[in-house]
């Protein structure tokens, strides 16, 4: 691959990541009625481990972490960013929280990340322009999901797992940026998913209900493994490796608008003028945060 092709591929990574990550709530809508939340995730992690394991087995060169501490750090990231984040979101939605409200809560992550880095230094300065971009993104995000917040009061059983998801992905992003050294994404993902499965599988045994296998659940599981885990999670890992944490997490502001667009295409959900304005604000906010 030439340097020009590699550079174009790197520039395309954020766009591809947002498009893949945005399908998460669509997949939840497709598969959630047919499976308990943590049971679905346990299956997803197990099948993803098999898929990545086959990928590793067929690869000629795989660079496994040589430092035992790196194995531990990758395991912690896996528990936070796979087990905690996904588990929190799916449990909240399963409990009755709207997908839009769950997206709003989780996508507060860029603000928390920027605030933490600003207050604690960490060799990272959040400029006034980036703060303005984060504020614009938050405002646009609120506009996009406001209609979906009008479905009634939110219970503690719905709110707590959503907040857990927010804290998990925020801490996981900061932890990876600080402690995880650049590594081959294949074994890194394998270690993370194994750690997430070891935590999720025992918890799934506490759920009621069983997997109701059918076309919709199979489709949701297939995309969750191949698209979201192998594609989206791998891209997020690479983006955090390459970029500043604030710039990477600001991409999450684009996820709810893209999710709304996908829901309009797939399920006929209306897109209002207010939602279009919100999408524009999100795009402008991400531009301000990520501009060199």
Protein backbone atom coordinates (compact mmCIF):
# COMPACT_ATOMS: atom_id res chain seq x y z
CA UNK A 1 0.00 0.00 0.00
CA UNK A 2 1.41 3.42 -0.98
CA UNK A 3 1.68 6.30 1.46
CA UNK A 4 -1.07 8.13 -0.43
CA UNK A 5 -3.45 5.19 -0.10
CA UNK A 6 -2.57 4.77 3.59
CA UNK A 7 -3.16 8.47 4.24
CA UNK A 8 -6.56 8.33 2.52
CA UNK A 9 -7.48 5.26 4.58
CA UNK A 10 -6.55 7.02 7.82
CA UNK A 11 -8.60 10.09 6.88
CA UNK A 12 -11.61 7.88 6.15
CA UNK A 13 -11.46 6.08 9.51
CA UNK A 14 -13.52 8.66 11.50
CA UNK A 15 -16.29 8.71 8.89
CA UNK A 16 -16.48 4.91 8.72
CA UNK A 17 -16.43 4.70 12.53
CA UNK A 18 -19.40 7.07 12.91
CA UNK A 19 -21.42 5.21 10.28
CA UNK A 20 -20.77 1.82 11.90
CA UNK A 21 -21.24 3.01 15.49
CA UNK A 22 -24.53 4.68 14.55
CA UNK A 23 -26.05 1.31 13.66
CA UNK A 24 -25.82 0.19 17.30
CA UNK A 25 -29.22 1.48 18.35
CA UNK A 26 -30.82 0.22 15.13
CA UNK A 27 -29.46 -3.24 15.93
CA UNK A 28 -30.82 -2.92 19.47
CA UNK A 29 -34.26 -2.11 18.10
CA UNK A 30 -34.05 -5.11 15.81
CA UNK A 31 -32.78 -7.67 18.29
CA UNK A 32 -33.89 -6.45 21.74
CA UNK A 33 -37.44 -7.86 21.62
CA UNK A 34 -36.04 -11.35 21.09
CA UNK A 35 -33.34 -11.65 23.79
CA UNK A 36 -32.31 -10.62 27.31
CA UNK A 37 -29.77 -7.80 27.12
CA UNK A 38 -26.73 -9.36 28.83
CA UNK A 39 -27.40 -12.80 27.33
CA UNK A 40 -27.31 -11.24 23.87
CA UNK A 41 -24.03 -9.50 24.70
CA UNK A 42 -22.50 -12.70 26.10
CA UNK A 43 -23.29 -14.45 22.81
CA UNK A 44 -21.94 -11.47 20.90
CA UNK A 45 -18.65 -11.46 22.81
CA UNK A 46 -18.24 -15.24 22.49
CA UNK A 47 -18.89 -15.25 18.73
CA UNK A 48 -16.62 -12.22 18.28
CA UNK A 49 -13.83 -14.08 20.10
CA UNK A 50 -14.27 -17.01 17.71
CA UNK A 51 -14.22 -14.70 14.66
CA UNK A 52 -11.15 -12.75 15.77
CA UNK A 53 -9.47 -15.98 16.87
CA UNK A 54 -9.90 -17.32 13.33
CA UNK A 55 -8.55 -14.04 11.95
CA UNK A 56 -5.48 -14.33 14.18
CA UNK A 57 -4.97 -18.00 13.28
CA UNK A 58 -5.03 -17.21 9.56
CA UNK A 59 -2.68 -14.23 9.91
CA UNK A 60 1.01 -14.70 9.24
CA UNK A 61 2.24 -12.08 11.66
CA UNK A 62 0.48 -11.22 14.91
CA UNK A 63 2.21 -9.08 17.55
CA UNK A 64 0.97 -10.15 20.98
CA UNK A 65 1.71 -7.82 23.92
CA UNK A 66 4.92 -8.94 25.59
CA UNK A 67 4.42 -6.96 28.80
CA UNK A 68 2.09 -8.67 31.30
CA UNK A 69 0.95 -5.25 32.48
CA UNK A 70 -0.38 -4.55 28.97
CA UNK A 71 -2.53 -7.69 29.13
CA UNK A 72 -4.01 -6.39 32.38
CA UNK A 73 -4.57 -2.89 30.97
CA UNK A 74 -6.27 -4.29 27.86
CA UNK A 75 -8.48 -6.45 30.09
CA UNK A 76 -9.55 -3.41 32.12
CA UNK A 77 -10.37 -1.51 28.92
CA UNK A 78 -12.40 -4.49 27.68
CA UNK A 79 -14.46 -4.67 30.86
CA UNK A 80 -15.15 -0.92 30.71
CA UNK A 81 -15.69 -0.31 26.99
CA UNK A 82 -17.36 -3.59 26.06
CA UNK A 83 -18.92 -4.93 29.25
CA UNK A 84 -19.76 -1.70 31.08
CA UNK A 85 -20.66 0.52 28.14
CA UNK A 86 -22.63 -1.97 26.04
CA UNK A 87 -24.14 -3.67 29.07
CA UNK A 88 -25.35 -0.37 30.50
CA UNK A 89 -26.92 0.81 27.24
CA UNK A 90 -28.65 -2.48 26.45
CA UNK A 91 -29.98 -2.95 29.99
CA UNK A 92 -31.31 0.64 30.03
CA UNK A 93 -33.09 0.21 26.70
CA UNK A 94 -34.39 -3.21 27.71
CA UNK A 95 -35.81 -1.61 30.88
CA UNK A 96 -37.82 0.81 28.77
CA UNK A 97 -35.59 3.84 28.18
CA UNK A 98 -35.93 5.27 24.69
CA UNK A 99 -32.94 4.78 22.41
CA UNK A 100 -32.74 8.55 21.89
CA UNK A 101 -32.47 9.32 25.59
CA UNK A 102 -29.89 6.57 26.06
CA UNK A 103 -27.90 8.10 23.19
CA UNK A 104 -28.13 11.56 24.75
CA UNK A 105 -26.82 10.35 28.11
CA UNK A 106 -23.97 8.28 26.66
CA UNK A 107 -22.94 10.99 24.20
CA UNK A 108 -22.25 13.40 27.04
CA UNK A 109 -18.89 11.61 27.08
CA UNK A 110 -16.99 14.29 25.09
CA UNK A 111 -17.86 16.91 27.71
CA UNK A 112 -16.77 14.65 30.58
CA UNK A 113 -13.57 13.72 28.76
CA UNK A 114 -12.68 17.33 28.00
CA UNK A 115 -13.51 18.43 31.54
CA UNK A 116 -11.36 15.70 33.11
CA UNK A 117 -8.38 16.43 30.86
CA UNK A 118 -8.73 20.16 31.41
CA UNK A 119 -8.91 19.89 35.21
CA UNK A 120 -6.22 17.23 35.59
CA UNK A 121 -3.77 18.36 32.94
CA UNK A 122 -2.56 14.98 31.63
CA UNK A 123 -0.49 16.81 29.03
CA UNK A 124 -3.63 17.76 27.14
CA UNK A 125 -5.08 21.25 26.87
CA UNK A 126 -8.66 21.85 25.76
CA UNK A 127 -8.74 25.15 23.88
CA UNK A 128 -11.57 27.67 23.98
CA UNK A 129 -12.36 26.79 20.36
CA UNK A 130 -12.72 23.13 21.31
CA UNK A 131 -14.93 24.03 24.28
CA UNK A 132 -17.12 26.05 21.87
CA UNK A 133 -17.27 23.03 19.56
CA UNK A 134 -18.23 20.73 22.44
CA UNK A 135 -20.97 23.15 23.50
CA UNK A 136 -22.32 23.34 19.93
CA UNK A 137 -22.26 19.57 19.64
CA UNK A 138 -24.11 19.16 22.94
CA UNK A 139 -26.72 21.70 21.85
CA UNK A 140 -27.20 19.99 18.50
CA UNK A 141 -27.35 16.60 20.17
CA UNK A 142 -30.09 17.80 22.51
CA UNK A 143 -32.13 19.10 19.59
CA UNK A 144 -31.81 15.80 17.75
CA UNK A 145 -32.99 13.59 20.60
CA UNK A 146 -35.40 15.99 22.32
CA UNK A 147 -38.44 14.54 20.58
CA UNK A 148 -37.49 11.09 21.84
CA UNK A 149 -37.26 12.33 25.43
CA UNK A 150 -40.96 13.09 25.57
CA UNK A 151 -42.03 9.51 26.27
CA UNK A 152 -42.64 9.89 30.00
CA UNK A 153 -40.70 9.80 33.25
CA UNK A 154 -37.42 7.91 33.46
CA UNK A 155 -37.14 5.37 36.27
CA UNK A 156 -34.09 4.69 38.40
CA UNK A 157 -33.86 1.21 36.85
CA UNK A 158 -33.45 2.86 33.44
CA UNK A 159 -31.24 5.76 34.47
CA UNK A 160 -28.60 3.92 36.52
CA UNK A 161 -27.41 1.55 33.75
CA UNK A 162 -27.32 4.42 31.25
CA UNK A 163 -25.14 6.49 33.59
CA UNK A 164 -22.97 3.41 34.16
CA UNK A 165 -22.52 3.15 30.37
CA UNK A 166 -21.52 6.82 30.18
CA UNK A 167 -18.96 6.49 32.98
CA UNK A 168 -17.63 3.20 31.57
CA UNK A 169 -16.87 4.49 28.08
CA UNK A 170 -15.44 7.76 29.44
CA UNK A 171 -13.12 6.09 31.93
CA UNK A 172 -12.27 3.37 29.41
CA UNK A 173 -11.23 5.92 26.78
CA UNK A 174 -9.06 7.86 29.22
CA UNK A 175 -7.58 4.66 30.66
CA UNK A 176 -6.66 3.31 27.23
CA UNK A 177 -5.11 6.61 26.14
CA UNK A 178 -2.94 6.71 29.27
CA UNK A 179 -1.98 3.10 29.99
CA UNK A 180 -2.38 1.02 26.82
CA UNK A 181 0.64 1.08 24.52
CA UNK A 182 0.13 0.92 20.73
CA UNK A 183 -0.55 -2.69 19.84
CA UNK A 184 -1.86 -4.99 17.12
CA UNK A 185 -5.63 -4.45 17.14
CA UNK A 186 -6.38 -8.18 16.65
CA UNK A 187 -4.89 -9.57 19.87
CA UNK A 188 -5.87 -6.36 21.68
CA UNK A 189 -9.52 -6.91 20.74
CA UNK A 190 -9.27 -10.59 21.62
CA UNK A 191 -8.01 -9.79 25.12
CA UNK A 192 -10.64 -7.08 25.65
CA UNK A 193 -13.53 -9.28 24.52
CA UNK A 194 -12.40 -12.19 26.67
CA UNK A 195 -12.31 -9.95 29.74
CA UNK A 196 -15.76 -8.56 28.89
CA UNK A 197 -17.17 -12.08 28.44
CA UNK A 198 -15.77 -13.23 31.80
CA UNK A 199 -17.73 -10.42 33.47
CA UNK A 200 -20.90 -10.49 31.35
CA UNK A 201 -21.56 -14.24 31.20
CA UNK A 202 -22.05 -14.74 34.97
CA UNK A 203 -24.32 -11.67 35.14
CA UNK A 204 -26.42 -12.94 32.21
CA UNK A 205 -27.35 -16.02 34.27
CA UNK A 206 -29.33 -13.70 36.57
CA UNK A 207 -31.63 -12.55 33.74
CA UNK A 208 -35.03 -14.01 32.97
CA UNK A 209 -36.05 -15.04 29.46
CA UNK A 210 -34.25 -16.87 26.68
CA UNK A 211 -32.91 -16.15 23.20
CA UNK A 212 -35.77 -16.38 20.67
CA UNK A 213 -33.77 -17.23 17.56
CA UNK A 214 -35.27 -16.01 14.32
CA UNK A 215 -34.36 -13.95 11.26
CA UNK A 216 -34.29 -10.61 13.12
CA UNK A 217 -32.19 -11.88 16.02
CA UNK A 218 -29.75 -13.65 13.68
CA UNK A 219 -29.39 -10.47 11.61
CA UNK A 220 -28.84 -8.37 14.74
CA UNK A 221 -26.26 -10.82 16.09
CA UNK A 222 -24.42 -11.11 12.78
CA UNK A 223 -24.04 -7.35 12.37
CA UNK A 224 -23.18 -6.92 16.05
CA UNK A 225 -20.27 -9.35 15.69
CA UNK A 226 -18.98 -8.49 12.21
CA UNK A 227 -19.88 -4.80 11.97
CA UNK A 228 -19.99 -3.34 15.47
CA UNK A 229 -17.41 -5.43 17.33
CA UNK A 230 -14.88 -6.34 14.63
CA UNK A 231 -15.38 -3.11 12.69
CA UNK A 232 -16.55 -0.37 15.06
CA UNK A 233 -14.66 -1.38 18.20
CA UNK A 234 -11.44 -1.97 16.23
CA UNK A 235 -11.73 1.46 14.63
CA UNK A 236 -12.38 3.12 18.00
CA UNK A 237 -9.28 1.41 19.41
CA UNK A 238 -7.16 2.64 16.48
CA UNK A 239 -8.60 6.17 16.64
CA UNK A 240 -7.82 6.48 20.36
CA UNK A 241 -4.29 5.22 19.64
CA UNK A 242 -3.75 7.83 16.95
CA UNK A 243 -5.57 10.91 18.21
CA UNK A 244 -6.23 13.12 21.24
CA UNK A 245 -9.00 11.80 23.47
CA UNK A 246 -11.14 14.93 23.11
CA UNK A 247 -10.97 14.80 19.31
CA UNK A 248 -11.86 11.12 19.18
CA UNK A 249 -14.77 11.26 21.61
CA UNK A 250 -16.21 14.33 19.87
CA UNK A 251 -17.07 11.97 16.99
CA UNK A 252 -19.74 10.44 19.24
CA UNK A 253 -21.75 13.67 18.83
CA UNK A 254 -22.44 12.56 15.25
CA UNK A 255 -23.82 9.16 16.28
CA UNK A 256 -27.39 10.18 17.33
CA UNK A 257 -27.98 12.25 14.15
CA UNK A 258 -26.74 9.38 12.01
CA UNK A 259 -28.88 6.98 14.04
CA UNK A 260 -31.92 9.17 13.36
CA UNK A 261 -31.14 9.07 9.65
CA UNK A 262 -30.76 5.28 9.67
CA UNK A 263 -34.02 4.93 11.62
CA UNK A 264 -35.74 7.08 8.99
CA UNK A 265 -34.38 4.85 6.21
CA UNK A 266 -34.98 1.54 7.97
CA UNK A 267 -38.12 2.18 10.04
CA UNK A 268 -39.70 5.29 8.52
CA UNK A 269 -39.15 7.48 11.60
CA UNK A 270 -39.72 11.14 10.76
CA UNK A 271 -36.86 13.65 10.60
CA UNK A 272 -38.05 17.14 11.54
CA UNK A 273 -36.56 20.55 10.77
CA UNK A 274 -35.35 20.80 14.37
CA UNK A 275 -33.52 17.52 13.97
CA UNK A 276 -31.84 18.75 10.77
CA UNK A 277 -30.67 21.90 12.58
CA UNK A 278 -29.35 19.73 15.40
CA UNK A 279 -27.41 17.57 12.94
CA UNK A 280 -25.81 20.68 11.43
CA UNK A 281 -24.78 21.92 14.88
CA UNK A 282 -23.26 18.52 15.69
CA UNK A 283 -21.25 18.56 12.48
CA UNK A 284 -20.00 22.10 13.14
CA UNK A 285 -19.09 21.22 16.73
CA UNK A 286 -17.06 18.18 15.66
CA UNK A 287 -15.28 20.31 13.03
CA UNK A 288 -14.24 22.88 15.64
CA UNK A 289 -12.97 20.21 18.03
CA UNK A 290 -11.05 18.23 15.44
CA UNK A 291 -9.62 21.09 13.35
CA UNK A 292 -5.84 21.25 13.62
